Amino acid sequence: MSEWLISLEGTEAGHTLAMWLALLAAFLHAVFGALQKGRHDPWLSRGAIDISYCLMAAPFALFVVPWPEPHMWPIFGVAWLIHVAYKLLQATAYTKGSYTVVYPVVRGTGPLFTVIGAYLLFGEVFSLTQWFGVGVLMAGILGLAVYNLRHLETQRETLNLALGLAVATGLFVALYTTYDAYGIRATADPFTFLAWFFMIDGLVMPIIAFLRWRSLADRPAPAPLMARGAVGGLVAFFSFGAVMMATRLDKVGEAAVLRETSTVFAALIGWLVLKETVGPRRIALMALIALGAVIVEMGG
């Protein structure tokens, strides 16, 4: 399968597959967010998810995929540091601010920084039409954040800190997207990068989560938390794997923008599954996000 995927790099078929992979990643990222939302402390949820995908990836990394080339070890090291910083920022932002406000700010700033990073690292250039599409998509995502902010009833005293952390998290989303795209292109077999990345990446947050769980006066039962973590780990594996494969097959910036349609899928899941109310303003903002993604894809 690796040889077939590599043969598609830079081709029209590769471009099409990358588009569908990025959209799959967007949908799965929204599912991932729904699994995290509201049930457990975000630090505990992240720890359960990380230990799950670490254990899932270990057999593949150690016994299935080709062993990483020597030059990959420092790449894995830098990627690990970036992701640890990202997850610490994200968990802190979620503890300081409402999920419905923080999440759109993170996802709205991420694609802008990623497009800039893809230009600096890979020399990717967006057309004026595509830049217009990025603007439309960001307007829709950040519009959702403003809409949710106006209806916010809790955590207003830490709102400024939460928004600052959300923007910083968006910067790290862009940083890990562009750097991981560099990493998956640096190895002969893309599945080598994915398997080893997930095994290494899942080593830190479980320790932090366990220490936090042990310090809580009212500790949640481990079994339901780990069950949710196992599902989240599986979803994370396919979500991240899909977008990383898309960045190897085609442009990093386009994959990053398409992934941010996850906000649309998240709203749809909230409406259809969680039975949340979706009014006309939110529908209009969701349409803006989808329109922006279409403009970016068609303007390339």
Protein backbone atom coordinates (compact mmCIF):
# COMPACT_ATOMS: atom_id res chain seq x y z
CA MET A 1 0.00 0.00 0.00
CA SER A 2 2.90 2.34 0.76
CA GLU A 3 4.27 1.98 -2.77
CA TRP A 4 0.84 2.72 -4.28
CA LEU A 5 0.41 5.87 -2.16
CA ILE A 6 3.91 7.09 -2.94
CA SER A 7 3.24 6.60 -6.66
CA LEU A 8 0.34 9.08 -6.39
CA GLU A 9 2.46 11.96 -5.08
CA GLY A 10 2.20 15.03 -7.32
CA THR A 11 -0.45 13.47 -9.58
CA GLU A 12 -4.06 14.48 -10.20
CA ALA A 13 -5.20 11.25 -8.54
CA GLY A 14 -3.03 12.14 -5.56
CA HIS A 15 -4.61 15.59 -5.40
CA THR A 16 -8.11 14.09 -5.36
CA LEU A 17 -7.21 11.50 -2.74
CA ALA A 18 -5.58 14.21 -0.60
CA MET A 19 -8.79 16.25 -0.73
CA TRP A 20 -10.91 13.32 0.47
CA LEU A 21 -8.37 12.42 3.16
CA ALA A 22 -8.42 16.01 4.47
CA LEU A 23 -12.24 15.99 4.58
CA LEU A 24 -12.18 12.61 6.36
CA ALA A 25 -9.74 14.11 8.87
CA ALA A 26 -12.12 17.05 9.37
CA PHE A 27 -15.06 14.77 10.11
CA LEU A 28 -13.05 12.56 12.47
CA HIS A 29 -11.61 15.61 14.23
CA ALA A 30 -15.16 16.76 14.95
CA VAL A 31 -15.97 13.29 16.34
CA PHE A 32 -12.80 13.56 18.45
CA GLY A 33 -13.99 16.91 19.83
CA ALA A 34 -17.42 15.49 20.64
CA LEU A 35 -15.79 12.63 22.57
CA GLN A 36 -13.81 15.14 24.67
CA LYS A 37 -16.63 17.60 25.24
CA GLY A 38 -17.99 17.99 28.73
CA ARG A 39 -17.70 14.45 30.12
CA HIS A 40 -14.29 14.54 31.79
CA ASP A 41 -11.54 16.96 32.78
CA PRO A 42 -9.63 17.77 29.52
CA TRP A 43 -6.31 16.75 31.08
CA LEU A 44 -7.70 13.33 32.00
CA SER A 45 -9.37 12.87 28.62
CA ARG A 46 -6.16 13.71 26.78
CA GLY A 47 -4.15 11.32 28.94
CA ALA A 48 -6.59 8.45 28.31
CA ILE A 49 -6.57 9.10 24.57
CA ASP A 50 -2.78 9.35 24.35
CA ILE A 51 -2.05 6.13 26.23
CA SER A 52 -4.60 4.37 24.02
CA TYR A 53 -3.06 5.37 20.71
CA CYS A 54 0.45 4.83 22.08
CA LEU A 55 -0.40 1.20 22.85
CA MET A 56 -2.20 0.80 19.52
CA ALA A 57 0.78 2.10 17.56
CA ALA A 58 3.53 0.24 19.43
CA PRO A 59 3.13 -3.19 17.75
CA PHE A 60 3.08 -1.57 14.30
CA ALA A 61 6.12 0.61 15.06
CA LEU A 62 8.17 -2.22 16.53
CA PHE A 63 7.18 -5.18 14.37
CA VAL A 64 5.34 -4.13 11.18
CA VAL A 65 6.62 -0.97 9.48
CA PRO A 66 10.22 -0.49 8.29
CA TRP A 67 12.60 0.82 10.97
CA PRO A 68 13.13 4.63 10.82
CA GLU A 69 16.20 5.91 9.01
CA PRO A 70 18.89 7.45 11.31
CA HIS A 71 18.05 11.00 10.23
CA MET A 72 14.45 10.54 11.45
CA TRP A 73 15.29 10.44 15.18
CA PRO A 74 15.94 14.20 15.59
CA ILE A 75 12.83 14.86 13.47
CA PHE A 76 10.78 12.74 15.86
CA GLY A 77 12.35 14.59 18.78
CA VAL A 78 11.37 18.04 17.52
CA ALA A 79 7.86 16.82 16.55
CA TRP A 80 7.45 15.41 20.07
CA LEU A 81 8.38 18.74 21.67
CA ILE A 82 5.98 20.68 19.42
CA HIS A 83 3.07 18.33 20.18
CA VAL A 84 3.69 18.35 23.93
CA ALA A 85 3.63 22.17 23.92
CA TYR A 86 0.47 22.14 21.77
CA LYS A 87 -1.38 19.76 24.09
CA LEU A 88 -0.36 21.67 27.22
CA LEU A 89 -1.63 24.91 25.66
CA GLN A 90 -4.85 23.29 24.46
CA ALA A 91 -5.71 21.66 27.78
CA THR A 92 -4.97 24.91 29.65
CA ALA A 93 -7.13 26.90 27.22
CA TYR A 94 -10.03 24.47 27.72
CA THR A 95 -9.77 24.81 31.52
CA LYS A 96 -9.77 28.62 31.32
CA GLY A 97 -12.47 29.15 28.68
CA SER A 98 -15.63 27.69 27.20
CA TYR A 99 -15.09 24.92 24.64
CA THR A 100 -17.49 26.58 22.17
CA VAL A 101 -15.43 29.79 22.25
CA VAL A 102 -11.91 28.34 22.45
CA TYR A 103 -12.30 25.63 19.79
CA PRO A 104 -13.33 27.95 16.90
CA VAL A 105 -10.52 30.42 17.72
CA VAL A 106 -7.95 27.60 17.63
CA ARG A 107 -9.31 26.19 14.38
CA GLY A 108 -9.76 29.65 12.83
CA THR A 109 -6.21 30.89 13.41
CA GLY A 110 -4.59 27.53 12.60
CA PRO A 111 -5.08 27.54 8.79
CA LEU A 112 -3.78 31.10 8.37
CA PHE A 113 -0.56 30.28 10.21
CA THR A 114 -0.28 26.96 8.33
CA VAL A 115 -0.57 28.56 4.89
CA ILE A 116 2.20 31.00 5.88
CA GLY A 117 4.32 28.14 7.27
CA ALA A 118 3.80 26.06 4.12
CA TYR A 119 5.08 28.99 2.06
CA LEU A 120 8.17 29.40 4.24
CA LEU A 121 9.00 25.69 4.52
CA PHE A 122 7.81 24.20 1.22
CA GLY A 123 7.54 27.24 -1.07
CA GLU A 124 3.79 26.70 -1.54
CA VAL A 125 2.03 29.72 -3.03
CA PHE A 126 -1.71 30.39 -2.79
CA SER A 127 -3.47 32.28 -5.55
CA LEU A 128 -5.45 35.44 -4.74
CA THR A 129 -8.63 33.39 -5.10
CA GLN A 130 -7.36 30.87 -2.55
CA TRP A 131 -6.39 33.65 -0.14
CA PHE A 132 -9.92 34.99 -0.50
CA GLY A 133 -11.19 31.50 0.35
CA VAL A 134 -8.99 31.39 3.46
CA GLY A 135 -10.46 34.74 4.51
CA VAL A 136 -14.02 33.51 3.99
CA LEU A 137 -13.35 30.32 5.95
CA MET A 138 -11.70 32.22 8.82
CA ALA A 139 -14.57 34.71 8.90
CA GLY A 140 -17.01 31.84 9.34
CA ILE A 141 -14.99 30.07 12.04
CA LEU A 142 -14.17 33.20 14.03
CA GLY A 143 -17.76 34.36 13.53
CA LEU A 144 -18.85 31.21 15.34
CA ALA A 145 -16.48 32.09 18.17
CA VAL A 146 -17.96 35.60 18.45
CA TYR A 147 -21.51 34.22 18.30
CA ASN A 148 -20.76 31.72 21.08
CA LEU A 149 -18.97 34.45 23.05
CA ARG A 150 -22.06 36.68 23.01
CA HIS A 151 -24.08 33.84 24.53
CA LEU A 152 -21.41 32.86 27.06
CA GLU A 153 -22.72 32.57 30.62
CA THR A 154 -19.68 31.18 32.48
CA GLN A 155 -15.89 31.70 32.75
CA ARG A 156 -16.02 35.35 31.65
CA GLU A 157 -13.44 36.29 34.31
CA THR A 158 -10.75 34.19 32.55
CA LEU A 159 -11.93 34.95 29.01
CA ASN A 160 -8.99 37.13 27.91
CA LEU A 161 -6.48 34.53 29.09
CA ALA A 162 -8.45 31.77 27.36
CA LEU A 163 -8.54 33.67 24.06
CA GLY A 164 -4.80 34.37 24.23
CA LEU A 165 -4.14 30.69 24.88
CA ALA A 166 -6.46 29.77 22.00
CA VAL A 167 -4.51 31.93 19.54
CA ALA A 168 -1.22 30.46 20.81
CA THR A 169 -2.68 26.97 20.39
CA GLY A 170 -3.70 27.84 16.83
CA LEU A 171 -0.10 28.84 16.16
CA PHE A 172 1.08 25.46 17.40
CA VAL A 173 -1.55 23.70 15.26
CA ALA A 174 0.09 25.36 12.27
CA LEU A 175 3.57 24.54 13.57
CA TYR A 176 2.87 20.84 14.03
CA THR A 177 0.98 20.60 10.74
CA THR A 178 3.85 22.01 8.70
CA TYR A 179 6.61 20.28 10.66
CA ASP A 180 4.86 16.90 10.61
CA ALA A 181 4.35 17.31 6.87
CA TYR A 182 8.10 17.77 6.63
CA GLY A 183 8.60 14.67 8.79
CA ILE A 184 6.29 12.37 6.83
CA ARG A 185 8.02 13.45 3.61
CA ALA A 186 11.47 12.80 5.08
CA THR A 187 11.03 9.03 5.41
CA ALA A 188 10.71 6.49 2.61
CA ASP A 189 7.60 4.84 4.09
CA PRO A 190 4.91 7.25 5.41
CA PHE A 191 3.51 4.56 7.72
CA THR A 192 6.88 4.45 9.50
CA PHE A 193 6.43 8.09 10.48
CA LEU A 194 2.82 7.60 11.59
CA ALA A 195 3.43 4.49 13.70
CA TRP A 196 6.53 5.81 15.46
CA PHE A 197 5.04 9.27 15.91
CA PHE A 198 1.93 7.95 17.68
CA MET A 199 3.96 5.65 19.93
CA ILE A 200 6.35 8.44 20.97
CA ASP A 201 3.70 11.16 21.16
CA GLY A 202 1.57 9.20 23.61
CA LEU A 203 4.18 8.96 26.36
CA VAL A 204 3.83 12.28 28.23
CA MET A 205 0.17 13.23 28.76
CA PRO A 206 -0.76 9.93 30.47
CA ILE A 207 1.77 10.69 33.23
CA ILE A 208 0.39 14.22 33.70
CA ALA A 209 -3.18 12.89 33.63
CA PHE A 210 -2.43 10.21 36.24
CA LEU A 211 -0.82 12.72 38.61
CA ARG A 212 -3.81 15.04 38.15
CA TRP A 213 -6.29 12.19 38.68
CA ARG A 214 -4.49 11.11 41.87
CA SER A 215 -4.67 14.66 43.27
CA LEU A 216 -8.43 15.02 42.73
CA ALA A 217 -10.75 14.75 45.71
CA ASP A 218 -13.53 13.35 43.53
CA ARG A 219 -11.76 10.96 41.16
CA PRO A 220 -13.72 9.75 38.13
CA ALA A 221 -13.94 5.98 37.65
CA PRO A 222 -11.02 4.81 35.45
CA ALA A 223 -13.02 2.31 33.34
CA PRO A 224 -15.40 4.79 31.60
CA LEU A 225 -12.53 7.24 31.14
CA MET A 226 -10.30 4.63 29.53
CA ALA A 227 -13.16 3.34 27.36
CA ARG A 228 -13.66 6.84 25.99
CA GLY A 229 -9.89 7.16 25.62
CA ALA A 230 -9.73 3.97 23.55
CA VAL A 231 -12.38 5.24 21.13
CA GLY A 232 -10.71 8.66 21.02
CA GLY A 233 -7.32 7.06 20.38
CA LEU A 234 -8.66 5.12 17.41
CA VAL A 235 -10.36 8.23 16.01
CA ALA A 236 -7.18 10.30 16.54
CA PHE A 237 -5.09 7.71 14.73
CA PHE A 238 -7.23 7.85 11.60
CA SER A 239 -7.88 11.61 11.79
CA PHE A 240 -4.25 12.62 12.15
CA GLY A 241 -3.08 9.87 9.83
CA ALA A 242 -5.47 11.01 7.10
CA VAL A 243 -4.40 14.66 7.18
CA MET A 244 -0.70 13.77 7.36
CA MET A 245 -1.06 11.46 4.36
CA ALA A 246 -2.85 14.30 2.55
CA THR A 247 0.10 16.62 3.21
CA ARG A 248 2.47 14.05 1.69
CA LEU A 249 0.35 13.58 -1.42
CA ASP A 250 -0.44 17.24 -2.11
CA LYS A 251 -0.18 20.80 -0.77
CA VAL A 252 0.11 21.24 2.99
CA GLY A 253 -1.84 24.51 3.01
CA GLU A 254 -4.83 23.12 1.11
CA ALA A 255 -5.04 20.06 3.37
CA ALA A 256 -4.91 22.30 6.46
CA VAL A 257 -7.71 24.54 5.19
CA LEU A 258 -9.96 21.63 4.25
CA ARG A 259 -9.40 20.06 7.67
CA GLU A 260 -10.85 23.14 9.33
CA THR A 261 -14.28 22.28 7.93
CA SER A 262 -14.27 20.15 11.10
CA THR A 263 -16.10 23.09 12.67
CA VAL A 264 -19.02 22.44 10.30
CA PHE A 265 -19.03 18.74 11.11
CA ALA A 266 -18.81 19.56 14.84
CA ALA A 267 -21.90 21.77 14.60
CA LEU A 268 -23.75 19.08 12.64
CA ILE A 269 -22.84 16.44 15.23
CA GLY A 270 -23.99 18.80 17.97
CA TRP A 271 -27.32 19.24 16.17
CA LEU A 272 -27.98 15.66 15.03
CA VAL A 273 -26.37 13.64 17.83
CA LEU A 274 -26.13 15.89 20.89
CA LYS A 275 -29.48 17.57 20.08
CA GLU A 276 -28.05 21.08 20.39
CA THR A 277 -29.93 24.01 18.87
CA VAL A 278 -28.54 25.33 15.57
CA GLY A 279 -30.14 28.65 14.65
CA PRO A 280 -30.08 30.55 11.34
CA ARG A 281 -26.99 32.59 12.28
CA ARG A 282 -24.93 29.49 12.99
CA ILE A 283 -26.15 27.87 9.78
CA ALA A 284 -25.04 30.97 7.83
CA LEU A 285 -21.61 30.91 9.50
CA MET A 286 -21.25 27.18 8.76
CA ALA A 287 -22.11 27.91 5.13
CA LEU A 288 -19.31 30.53 5.08
CA ILE A 289 -16.81 27.94 6.32
CA ALA A 290 -17.85 25.43 3.70
CA LEU A 291 -17.80 28.12 0.98
CA GLY A 292 -14.29 29.18 1.97
CA ALA A 293 -13.04 25.59 1.71
CA VAL A 294 -14.64 25.21 -1.72
CA ILE A 295 -13.03 28.46 -2.94
CA VAL A 296 -9.59 27.31 -1.74
CA GLU A 297 -9.99 23.94 -3.46
CA MET A 298 -11.38 25.34 -6.73
CA GLY A 299 -8.95 28.29 -6.82
CA GLY A 300 -5.83 26.10 -6.84
